[in-house]
Structure formats: C-alpha cells, structure tokens
Amino acid sequence: MKELYTYVLDFRGGTYVSQVFAKNLNNSIDEWIKKIEKDKSEIQYLGVKTIEKIKQDFKNPENRAPILLNNLQNVWCFDFNSNQGFGLINVIKTKTIC
C-alpha cells in the first residue's frame, strides 16, 4: 500500500509545495529529500550544503522526528536550521492508495 504525502516547505520567504509517494511517513521523508535534490534549482537559496544538512539531521530520527500537530490527524511538522536559514516543513498524508 502506498500513501501520498504533501510537503509544504517555508524557506527564506518562499513557500514550496511537493508531493511524494511512500509506504509510511519515515520513507516519505527520504523520498522528499530525493525530490528536493532533483528540484533544488526551483527552491531559491537551497543548495547542496543545505540539503546535506537536512540529510544529516534525519540520520538521527530521535533528534529530528516529525511532530504530529495537536488536534489533527495525519499532519506533521519539522524544521531545519542551516547557514542559509531556517526551514519549516509541514507534511500532510493526503491519500492512501491500495
């Protein structure tokens, strides 16, 4: 079973939305990172070093685990801080596909 996750990234004054398919939330983070690596030219100020910082942050999920938002279902939030700035990411499990 695959699930569709929608990612909303707020970074240095811009908002960037993307979607990935994955079997669970943790796998969706890996898929999202692959997607932003591929599409980094569309995200102003997001370069290779910032993406590497995001990857490093998520190697230890206890430190950077997405937080389920209060009183909501299937909506999480996490952030990162790099030399290029602060990023806030909201994740929404949008759809389950059988």
PDB file of N, CA and C in Angstrom:
ATOM      1  N   MET A   1       0.847  -1.171   0.000  1.00  0.00           N
ATOM      2  CA  MET A   1       0.000   0.000   0.000  1.00  0.00           C
ATOM      3  C   MET A   1       0.901   1.246   0.000  1.00  0.00           C
ATOM      4  N   LYS A   2       0.596   2.178  -0.878  1.00  0.00           N
ATOM      5  CA  LYS A   2       1.350   3.428  -0.955  1.00  0.00           C
ATOM      6  C   LYS A   2       0.472   4.562  -0.451  1.00  0.00           C
ATOM      7  N   GLU A   3       1.145   5.573   0.078  1.00  0.00           N
ATOM      8  CA  GLU A   3       0.443   6.760   0.556  1.00  0.00           C
ATOM      9  C   GLU A   3       1.040   7.979  -0.116  1.00  0.00           C
ATOM     10  N   LEU A   4       0.197   8.954  -0.352  1.00  0.00           N
ATOM     11  CA  LEU A   4       0.632  10.219  -0.942  1.00  0.00           C
ATOM     12  C   LEU A   4       0.813  11.231   0.183  1.00  0.00           C
ATOM     13  N   TYR A   5       2.002  11.840   0.228  1.00  0.00           N
ATOM     14  CA  TYR A   5       2.317  12.856   1.233  1.00  0.00           C
ATOM     15  C   TYR A   5       2.569  14.182   0.527  1.00  0.00           C
ATOM     16  N   THR A   6       1.991  15.232   1.066  1.00  0.00           N
ATOM     17  CA  THR A   6       2.203  16.581   0.550  1.00  0.00           C
ATOM     18  C   THR A   6       3.111  17.311   1.522  1.00  0.00           C
ATOM     19  N   TYR A   7       4.177  17.900   0.980  1.00  0.00           N
ATOM     20  CA  TYR A   7       5.165  18.650   1.757  1.00  0.00           C
ATOM     21  C   TYR A   7       5.049  20.126   1.423  1.00  0.00           C
ATOM     22  N   VAL A   8       4.961  20.938   2.470  1.00  0.00           N
ATOM     23  CA  VAL A   8       4.923  22.389   2.318  1.00  0.00           C
ATOM     24  C   VAL A   8       6.147  22.934   3.050  1.00  0.00           C
ATOM     25  N   LEU A   9       7.093  23.458   2.281  1.00  0.00           N
ATOM     26  CA  LEU A   9       8.341  23.977   2.824  1.00  0.00           C
ATOM     27  C   LEU A   9       8.311  25.498   2.794  1.00  0.00           C
ATOM     28  N   ASP A  10       8.488  26.119   3.957  1.00  0.00           N
ATOM     29  CA  ASP A  10       8.662  27.577   4.049  1.00  0.00           C
ATOM     30  C   ASP A  10      10.140  27.819   4.309  1.00  0.00           C
ATOM     31  N   PHE A  11      10.799  28.541   3.382  1.00  0.00           N
ATOM     32  CA  PHE A  11      12.239  28.728   3.479  1.00  0.00           C
ATOM     33  C   PHE A  11      12.611  30.083   2.892  1.00  0.00           C
ATOM     34  N   ARG A  12      13.171  30.933   3.716  1.00  0.00           N
ATOM     35  CA  ARG A  12      13.679  32.252   3.333  1.00  0.00           C
ATOM     36  C   ARG A  12      12.678  33.072   2.500  1.00  0.00           C
ATOM     37  N   GLY A  13      11.456  33.115   2.984  1.00  0.00           N
ATOM     38  CA  GLY A  13      10.443  33.949   2.359  1.00  0.00           C
ATOM     39  C   GLY A  13       9.683  33.299   1.222  1.00  0.00           C
ATOM     40  N   GLY A  14       9.994  32.060   0.893  1.00  0.00           N
ATOM     41  CA  GLY A  14       9.277  31.357  -0.168  1.00  0.00           C
ATOM     42  C   GLY A  14       8.564  30.143   0.378  1.00  0.00           C
ATOM     43  N   THR A  15       7.500  29.741  -0.295  1.00  0.00           N
ATOM     44  CA  THR A  15       6.758  28.543   0.068  1.00  0.00           C
ATOM     45  C   THR A  15       6.803  27.598  -1.127  1.00  0.00           C
ATOM     46  N   TYR A  16       7.207  26.355  -0.886  1.00  0.00           N
ATOM     47  CA  TYR A  16       7.402  25.376  -1.942  1.00  0.00           C
ATOM     48  C   TYR A  16       6.632  24.110  -1.587  1.00  0.00           C
ATOM     49  N   VAL A  17       5.803  23.653  -2.513  1.00  0.00           N
ATOM     50  CA  VAL A  17       4.945  22.501  -2.256  1.00  0.00           C
ATOM     51  C   VAL A  17       5.340  21.369  -3.204  1.00  0.00           C
ATOM     52  N   SER A  18       5.442  20.165  -2.641  1.00  0.00           N
ATOM     53  CA  SER A  18       5.730  18.995  -3.462  1.00  0.00           C
ATOM     54  C   SER A  18       5.017  17.794  -2.880  1.00  0.00           C
ATOM     55  N   GLN A  19       4.910  16.739  -3.693  1.00  0.00           N
ATOM     56  CA  GLN A  19       4.245  15.524  -3.245  1.00  0.00           C
ATOM     57  C   GLN A  19       5.109  14.316  -3.570  1.00  0.00           C
ATOM     58  N   VAL A  20       5.052  13.323  -2.678  1.00  0.00           N
ATOM     59  CA  VAL A  20       5.785  12.074  -2.876  1.00  0.00           C
ATOM     60  C   VAL A  20       4.905  10.899  -2.474  1.00  0.00           C
ATOM     61  N   PHE A  21       5.176   9.749  -3.081  1.00  0.00           N
ATOM     62  CA  PHE A  21       4.536   8.501  -2.687  1.00  0.00           C
ATOM     63  C   PHE A  21       5.518   7.701  -1.840  1.00  0.00           C
ATOM     64  N   ALA A  22       5.013   7.103  -0.762  1.00  0.00           N
ATOM     65  CA  ALA A  22       5.852   6.284   0.113  1.00  0.00           C
ATOM     66  C   ALA A  22       4.961   5.341   0.905  1.00  0.00           C
ATOM     67  N   LYS A  23       5.603   4.331   1.536  1.00  0.00           N
ATOM     68  CA  LYS A  23       4.801   3.382   2.312  1.00  0.00           C
ATOM     69  C   LYS A  23       4.501   3.861   3.721  1.00  0.00           C
ATOM     70  N   ASN A  24       5.260   4.873   4.205  1.00  0.00           N
ATOM     71  CA  ASN A  24       4.978   5.433   5.527  1.00  0.00           C
ATOM     72  C   ASN A  24       5.639   6.807   5.642  1.00  0.00           C
ATOM     73  N   LEU A  25       5.417   7.464   6.746  1.00  0.00           N
ATOM     74  CA  LEU A  25       5.931   8.815   6.942  1.00  0.00           C
ATOM     75  C   LEU A  25       7.451   8.866   6.849  1.00  0.00           C
ATOM     76  N   ASN A  26       8.136   7.946   7.532  1.00  0.00           N
ATOM     77  CA  ASN A  26       9.599   7.983   7.517  1.00  0.00           C
ATOM     78  C   ASN A  26      10.164   7.792   6.118  1.00  0.00           C
ATOM     79  N   ASN A  27       9.577   6.877   5.355  1.00  0.00           N
ATOM     80  CA  ASN A  27      10.027   6.700   3.980  1.00  0.00           C
ATOM     81  C   ASN A  27       9.706   7.922   3.128  1.00  0.00           C
ATOM     82  N   SER A  28       8.627   8.605   3.458  1.00  0.00           N
ATOM     83  CA  SER A  28       8.271   9.799   2.679  1.00  0.00           C
ATOM     84  C   SER A  28       9.318  10.900   2.850  1.00  0.00           C
ATOM     85  N   ILE A  29       9.939  10.968   4.024  1.00  0.00           N
ATOM     86  CA  ILE A  29      10.992  11.967   4.236  1.00  0.00           C
ATOM     87  C   ILE A  29      12.160  11.692   3.294  1.00  0.00           C
ATOM     88  N   ASP A  30      12.552  10.422   3.193  1.00  0.00           N
ATOM     89  CA  ASP A  30      13.636  10.059   2.265  1.00  0.00           C
ATOM     90  C   ASP A  30      13.270  10.420   0.829  1.00  0.00           C
ATOM     91  N   GLU A  31      12.029  10.116   0.444  1.00  0.00           N
ATOM     92  CA  GLU A  31      11.578  10.431  -0.920  1.00  0.00           C
ATOM     93  C   GLU A  31      11.536  11.940  -1.150  1.00  0.00           C
ATOM     94  N   TRP A  32      11.107  12.684  -0.125  1.00  0.00           N
ATOM     95  CA  TRP A  32      11.054  14.138  -0.252  1.00  0.00           C
ATOM     96  C   TRP A  32      12.463  14.716  -0.421  1.00  0.00           C
ATOM     97  N   ILE A  33      13.411  14.215   0.346  1.00  0.00           N
ATOM     98  CA  ILE A  33      14.787  14.703   0.216  1.00  0.00           C
ATOM     99  C   ILE A  33      15.312  14.427  -1.194  1.00  0.00           C
ATOM    100  N   LYS A  34      15.037  13.240  -1.731  1.00  0.00           N
ATOM    101  CA  LYS A  34      15.442  12.945  -3.119  1.00  0.00           C
ATOM    102  C   LYS A  34      14.811  13.935  -4.088  1.00  0.00           C
ATOM    103  N   LYS A  35      13.547  14.264  -3.840  1.00  0.00           N
ATOM    104  CA  LYS A  35      12.833  15.189  -4.728  1.00  0.00           C
ATOM    105  C   LYS A  35      13.429  16.587  -4.668  1.00  0.00           C
ATOM    106  N   ILE A  36      13.733  17.090  -3.474  1.00  0.00           N
ATOM    107  CA  ILE A  36      14.298  18.441  -3.408  1.00  0.00           C
ATOM    108  C   ILE A  36      15.724  18.469  -3.951  1.00  0.00           C
ATOM    109  N   GLU A  37      16.440  17.349  -3.862  1.00  0.00           N
ATOM    110  CA  GLU A  37      17.763  17.287  -4.505  1.00  0.00           C
ATOM    111  C   GLU A  37      17.614  17.487  -6.011  1.00  0.00           C
ATOM    112  N   LYS A  38      16.635  16.819  -6.581  1.00  0.00           N
ATOM    113  CA  LYS A  38      16.382  16.901  -8.023  1.00  0.00           C
ATOM    114  C   LYS A  38      15.866  18.283  -8.429  1.00  0.00           C
ATOM    115  N   ASP A  39      15.022  18.885  -7.593  1.00  0.00           N
ATOM    116  CA  ASP A  39      14.354  20.147  -7.920  1.00  0.00           C
ATOM    117  C   ASP A  39      14.959  21.362  -7.232  1.00  0.00           C
ATOM    118  N   LYS A  40      16.182  21.238  -6.699  1.00  0.00           N
ATOM    119  CA  LYS A  40      16.742  22.317  -5.876  1.00  0.00           C
ATOM    120  C   LYS A  40      16.851  23.647  -6.611  1.00  0.00           C
ATOM    121  N   SER A  41      16.952  23.632  -7.923  1.00  0.00           N
ATOM    122  CA  SER A  41      17.044  24.892  -8.672  1.00  0.00           C
ATOM    123  C   SER A  41      15.741  25.690  -8.598  1.00  0.00           C
ATOM    124  N   GLU A  42      14.645  25.020  -8.245  1.00  0.00           N
ATOM    125  CA  GLU A  42      13.353  25.702  -8.122  1.00  0.00           C
ATOM    126  C   GLU A  42      13.141  26.313  -6.740  1.00  0.00           C
ATOM    127  N   ILE A  43      14.031  26.001  -5.797  1.00  0.00           N
ATOM    128  CA  ILE A  43      13.898  26.490  -4.425  1.00  0.00           C
ATOM    129  C   ILE A  43      15.043  27.463  -4.166  1.00  0.00           C
ATOM    130  N   GLN A  44      14.714  28.734  -4.148  1.00  0.00           N
ATOM    131  CA  GLN A  44      15.735  29.765  -4.005  1.00  0.00           C
ATOM    132  C   GLN A  44      16.519  29.584  -2.708  1.00  0.00           C
ATOM    133  N   TYR A  45      17.831  29.698  -2.805  1.00  0.00           N
ATOM    134  CA  TYR A  45      18.789  29.605  -1.693  1.00  0.00           C
ATOM    135  C   TYR A  45      19.012  28.175  -1.181  1.00  0.00           C
ATOM    136  N   LEU A  46      18.330  27.195  -1.729  1.00  0.00           N
ATOM    137  CA  LEU A  46      18.513  25.821  -1.269  1.00  0.00           C
ATOM    138  C   LEU A  46      19.573  25.162  -2.139  1.00  0.00           C
ATOM    139  N   GLY A  47      20.731  24.930  -1.555  1.00  0.00           N
ATOM    140  CA  GLY A  47      21.835  24.339  -2.295  1.00  0.00           C
ATOM    141  C   GLY A  47      22.233  22.985  -1.746  1.00  0.00           C
ATOM    142  N   VAL A  48      23.301  22.469  -2.295  1.00  0.00           N
ATOM    143  CA  VAL A  48      23.787  21.149  -1.929  1.00  0.00           C
ATOM    144  C   VAL A  48      24.123  21.068  -0.438  1.00  0.00           C
ATOM    145  N   LYS A  49      24.773  22.085   0.101  1.00  0.00           N
ATOM    146  CA  LYS A  49      25.157  22.054   1.523  1.00  0.00           C
ATOM    147  C   LYS A  49      23.942  22.037   2.439  1.00  0.00           C
ATOM    148  N   THR A  50      22.921  22.799   2.093  1.00  0.00           N
ATOM    149  CA  THR A  50      21.705  22.818   2.910  1.00  0.00           C
ATOM    150  C   THR A  50      21.000  21.466   2.851  1.00  0.00           C
ATOM    151  N   ILE A  51      20.944  20.869   1.669  1.00  0.00           N
ATOM    152  CA  ILE A  51      20.322  19.546   1.541  1.00  0.00           C
ATOM    153  C   ILE A  51      21.116  18.514   2.339  1.00  0.00           C
ATOM    154  N   GLU A  52      22.440  18.595   2.305  1.00  0.00           N
ATOM    155  CA  GLU A  52      23.259  17.678   3.104  1.00  0.00           C
ATOM    156  C   GLU A  52      22.985  17.861   4.597  1.00  0.00           C
ATOM    157  N   LYS A  53      22.771  19.099   5.026  1.00  0.00           N
ATOM    158  CA  LYS A  53      22.439  19.380   6.428  1.00  0.00           C
ATOM    159  C   LYS A  53      21.106  18.722   6.791  1.00  0.00           C
ATOM    160  N   ILE A  54      20.123  18.831   5.916  1.00  0.00           N
ATOM    161  CA  ILE A  54      18.824  18.188   6.160  1.00  0.00           C
ATOM    162  C   ILE A  54      19.013  16.677   6.275  1.00  0.00           C
ATOM    163  N   LYS A  55      19.781  16.083   5.379  1.00  0.00           N
ATOM    164  CA  LYS A  55      20.036  14.633   5.435  1.00  0.00           C
ATOM    165  C   LYS A  55      20.686  14.245   6.760  1.00  0.00           C
ATOM    166  N   GLN A  56      21.681  15.009   7.182  1.00  0.00           N
ATOM    167  CA  GLN A  56      22.362  14.712   8.440  1.00  0.00           C
ATOM    168  C   GLN A  56      21.403  14.798   9.624  1.00  0.00           C
ATOM    169  N   ASP A  57      20.535  15.812   9.616  1.00  0.00           N
ATOM    170  CA  ASP A  57      19.563  15.961  10.697  1.00  0.00           C
ATOM    171  C   ASP A  57      18.672  14.729  10.818  1.00  0.00           C
ATOM    172  N   PHE A  58      18.313  14.114   9.689  1.00  0.00           N
ATOM    173  CA  PHE A  58      17.379  12.997   9.721  1.00  0.00           C
ATOM    174  C   PHE A  58      18.050  11.640   9.830  1.00  0.00           C
ATOM    175  N   LYS A  59      19.372  11.608   9.891  1.00  0.00           N
ATOM    176  CA  LYS A  59      20.038  10.334  10.165  1.00  0.00           C
ATOM    177  C   LYS A  59      19.766   9.897  11.595  1.00  0.00           C
ATOM    178  N   ASN A  60      19.486  10.841  12.473  1.00  0.00           N
ATOM    179  CA  ASN A  60      19.170  10.535  13.862  1.00  0.00           C
ATOM    180  C   ASN A  60      17.726  10.971  14.118  1.00  0.00           C
ATOM    181  N   PRO A  61      16.748  10.089  13.842  1.00  0.00           N
ATOM    182  CA  PRO A  61      15.343  10.479  13.935  1.00  0.00           C
ATOM    183  C   PRO A  61      14.900  10.914  15.320  1.00  0.00           C
ATOM    184  N   GLU A  62      15.614  10.495  16.379  1.00  0.00           N
ATOM    185  CA  GLU A  62      15.215  10.938  17.715  1.00  0.00           C
ATOM    186  C   GLU A  62      15.379  12.446  17.854  1.00  0.00           C
ATOM    187  N   ASN A  63      16.336  13.001  17.153  1.00  0.00           N
ATOM    188  CA  ASN A  63      16.583  14.450  17.234  1.00  0.00           C
ATOM    189  C   ASN A  63      15.659  15.254  16.332  1.00  0.00           C
ATOM    190  N   ARG A  64      15.250  14.703  15.204  1.00  0.00           N
ATOM    191  CA  ARG A  64      14.523  15.485  14.207  1.00  0.00           C
ATOM    192  C   ARG A  64      13.232  14.825  13.749  1.00  0.00           C
ATOM    193  N   ALA A  65      12.613  14.032  14.573  1.00  0.00           N
ATOM    194  CA  ALA A  65      11.392  13.339  14.175  1.00  0.00           C
ATOM    195  C   ALA A  65      10.266  14.336  13.924  1.00  0.00           C
ATOM    196  N   PRO A  66       9.469  14.108  12.882  1.00  0.00           N
ATOM    197  CA  PRO A  66       8.304  14.962  12.665  1.00  0.00           C
ATOM    198  C   PRO A  66       7.358  14.894  13.866  1.00  0.00           C
ATOM    199  N   ILE A  67       6.757  15.994  14.183  1.00  0.00           N
ATOM    200  CA  ILE A  67       5.853  16.101  15.333  1.00  0.00           C
ATOM    201  C   ILE A  67       4.417  16.150  14.820  1.00  0.00           C
ATOM    202  N   LEU A  68       3.588  15.251  15.324  1.00  0.00           N
ATOM    203  CA  LEU A  68       2.168  15.263  14.979  1.00  0.00           C
ATOM    204  C   LEU A  68       1.547  16.513  15.583  1.00  0.00           C
ATOM    205  N   LEU A  69       0.841  17.286  14.766  1.00  0.00           N
ATOM    206  CA  LEU A  69       0.254  18.527  15.252  1.00  0.00           C
ATOM    207  C   LEU A  69      -0.975  18.240  16.112  1.00  0.00           C
ATOM    208  N   ASN A  70      -1.123  19.007  17.180  1.00  0.00           N
ATOM    209  CA  ASN A  70      -2.222  18.832  18.127  1.00  0.00           C
ATOM    210  C   ASN A  70      -3.572  18.923  17.443  1.00  0.00           C
ATOM    211  N   ASN A  71      -4.463  18.029  17.847  1.00  0.00           N
ATOM    212  CA  ASN A  71      -5.855  18.017  17.408  1.00  0.00           C
ATOM    213  C   ASN A  71      -6.021  17.798  15.906  1.00  0.00           C
ATOM    214  N   LEU A  72      -4.995  17.271  15.254  1.00  0.00           N
ATOM    215  CA  LEU A  72      -5.073  16.983  13.816  1.00  0.00           C
ATOM    216  C   LEU A  72      -4.682  15.536  13.572  1.00  0.00           C
ATOM    217  N   GLN A  73      -5.177  14.994  12.472  1.00  0.00           N
ATOM    218  CA  GLN A  73      -4.799  13.657  12.053  1.00  0.00           C
ATOM    219  C   GLN A  73      -3.970  13.760  10.785  1.00  0.00           C
ATOM    220  N   ASN A  74      -2.883  12.994  10.724  1.00  0.00           N
ATOM    221  CA  ASN A  74      -2.070  12.888   9.517  1.00  0.00           C
ATOM    222  C   ASN A  74      -1.437  14.208   9.076  1.00  0.00           C
ATOM    223  N   VAL A  75      -1.092  15.056  10.044  1.00  0.00           N
ATOM    224  CA  VAL A  75      -0.403  16.318   9.753  1.00  0.00           C
ATOM    225  C   VAL A  75       0.756  16.462  10.736  1.00  0.00           C
ATOM    226  N   TRP A  76       1.963  16.611  10.182  1.00  0.00           N
ATOM    227  CA  TRP A  76       3.161  16.704  10.994  1.00  0.00           C
ATOM    228  C   TRP A  76       3.942  17.963  10.628  1.00  0.00           C
ATOM    229  N   CYS A  77       4.874  18.280  11.503  1.00  0.00           N
ATOM    230  CA  CYS A  77       5.721  19.443  11.282  1.00  0.00           C
ATOM    231  C   CYS A  77       7.140  19.099  11.727  1.00  0.00           C
ATOM    232  N   PHE A  78       8.120  19.609  11.009  1.00  0.00           N
ATOM    233  CA  PHE A  78       9.514  19.547  11.453  1.00  0.00           C
ATOM    234  C   PHE A  78      10.257  20.722  10.853  1.00  0.00           C
ATOM    235  N   ASP A  79      11.467  20.926  11.308  1.00  0.00           N
ATOM    236  CA  ASP A  79      12.227  22.087  10.824  1.00  0.00           C
ATOM    237  C   ASP A  79      13.695  21.725  10.655  1.00  0.00           C
ATOM    238  N   PHE A  80      14.416  22.650  10.033  1.00  0.00           N
ATOM    239  CA  PHE A  80      15.866  22.532   9.942  1.00  0.00           C
ATOM    240  C   PHE A  80      16.452  23.932  10.020  1.00  0.00           C
ATOM    241  N   ASN A  81      17.690  23.987  10.429  1.00  0.00           N
ATOM    242  CA  ASN A  81      18.397  25.257  10.508  1.00  0.00           C
ATOM    243  C   ASN A  81      19.757  25.059   9.851  1.00  0.00           C
ATOM    244  N   SER A  82      20.059  25.892   8.864  1.00  0.00           N
ATOM    245  CA  SER A  82      21.328  25.779   8.155  1.00  0.00           C
ATOM    246  C   SER A  82      21.964  27.161   8.060  1.00  0.00           C
ATOM    247  N   ASN A  83      23.142  27.216   7.484  1.00  0.00           N
ATOM    248  CA  ASN A  83      23.797  28.514   7.270  1.00  0.00           C
ATOM    249  C   ASN A  83      22.978  29.412   6.349  1.00  0.00           C
ATOM    250  N   GLN A  84      22.152  28.807   5.506  1.00  0.00           N
ATOM    251  CA  GLN A  84      21.321  29.580   4.574  1.00  0.00           C
ATOM    252  C   GLN A  84      20.006  30.046   5.194  1.00  0.00           C
ATOM    253  N   GLY A  85      19.645  29.513   6.356  1.00  0.00           N
ATOM    254  CA  GLY A  85      18.420  29.959   7.010  1.00  0.00           C
ATOM    255  C   GLY A  85      17.634  28.826   7.631  1.00  0.00           C
ATOM    256  N   PHE A  86      16.503  29.200   8.173  1.00  0.00           N
ATOM    257  CA  PHE A  86      15.594  28.300   8.872  1.00  0.00           C
ATOM    258  C   PHE A  86      14.531  27.813   7.892  1.00  0.00           C
ATOM    259  N   GLY A  87      14.225  26.523   7.949  1.00  0.00           N
ATOM    260  CA  GLY A  87      13.166  25.964   7.116  1.00  0.00           C
ATOM    261  C   GLY A  87      12.121  25.274   7.971  1.00  0.00           C
ATOM    262  N   LEU A  88      10.863  25.517   7.666  1.00  0.00           N
ATOM    263  CA  LEU A  88       9.743  24.878   8.354  1.00  0.00           C
ATOM    264  C   LEU A  88       9.012  24.017   7.340  1.00  0.00           C
ATOM    265  N   ILE A  89       8.810  22.746   7.685  1.00  0.00           N
ATOM    266  CA  ILE A  89       8.162  21.813   6.773  1.00  0.00           C
ATOM    267  C   ILE A  89       6.913  21.252   7.429  1.00  0.00           C
ATOM    268  N   ASN A  90       5.794  21.350   6.736  1.00  0.00           N
ATOM    269  CA  ASN A  90       4.564  20.701   7.151  1.00  0.00           C
ATOM    270  C   ASN A  90       4.322  19.536   6.189  1.00  0.00           C
ATOM    271  N   VAL A  91       3.922  18.404   6.757  1.00  0.00           N
ATOM    272  CA  VAL A  91       3.686  17.189   5.984  1.00  0.00           C
ATOM    273  C   VAL A  91       2.247  16.761   6.216  1.00  0.00           C
ATOM    274  N   ILE A  92       1.537  16.474   5.128  1.00  0.00           N
ATOM    275  CA  ILE A  92       0.156  16.034   5.219  1.00  0.00           C
ATOM    276  C   ILE A  92       0.030  14.707   4.485  1.00  0.00           C
ATOM    277  N   LYS A  93      -0.435  13.668   5.197  1.00  0.00           N
ATOM    278  CA  LYS A  93      -0.744  12.420   4.496  1.00  0.00           C
ATOM    279  C   LYS A  93      -2.038  12.665   3.742  1.00  0.00           C
ATOM    280  N   THR A  94      -1.925  12.763   2.445  1.00  0.00           N
ATOM    281  CA  THR A  94      -3.020  13.238   1.609  1.00  0.00           C
ATOM    282  C   THR A  94      -3.952  12.131   1.169  1.00  0.00           C
ATOM    283  N   LYS A  95      -3.377  10.948   0.882  1.00  0.00           N
ATOM    284  CA  LYS A  95      -4.210   9.884   0.321  1.00  0.00           C
ATOM    285  C   LYS A  95      -3.527   8.544   0.503  1.00  0.00           C
ATOM    286  N   THR A  96      -4.318   7.502   0.729  1.00  0.00           N
ATOM    287  CA  THR A  96      -3.821   6.130   0.755  1.00  0.00           C
ATOM    288  C   THR A  96      -4.300   5.436  -0.496  1.00  0.00           C
ATOM    289  N   ILE A  97      -3.357   4.770  -1.181  1.00  0.00           N
ATOM    290  CA  ILE A  97      -3.678   4.096  -2.432  1.00  0.00           C
ATOM    291  C   ILE A  97      -3.474   2.596  -2.219  1.00  0.00           C
ATOM    292  N   CYS A  98      -4.506   1.829  -2.454  1.00  0.00           N
ATOM    293  CA  CYS A  98      -4.423   0.369  -2.257  1.00  0.00           C
ATOM    294  C   CYS A  98      -3.770  -0.304  -3.435  1.00  0.00           C
TER     295      CYS A  98
END
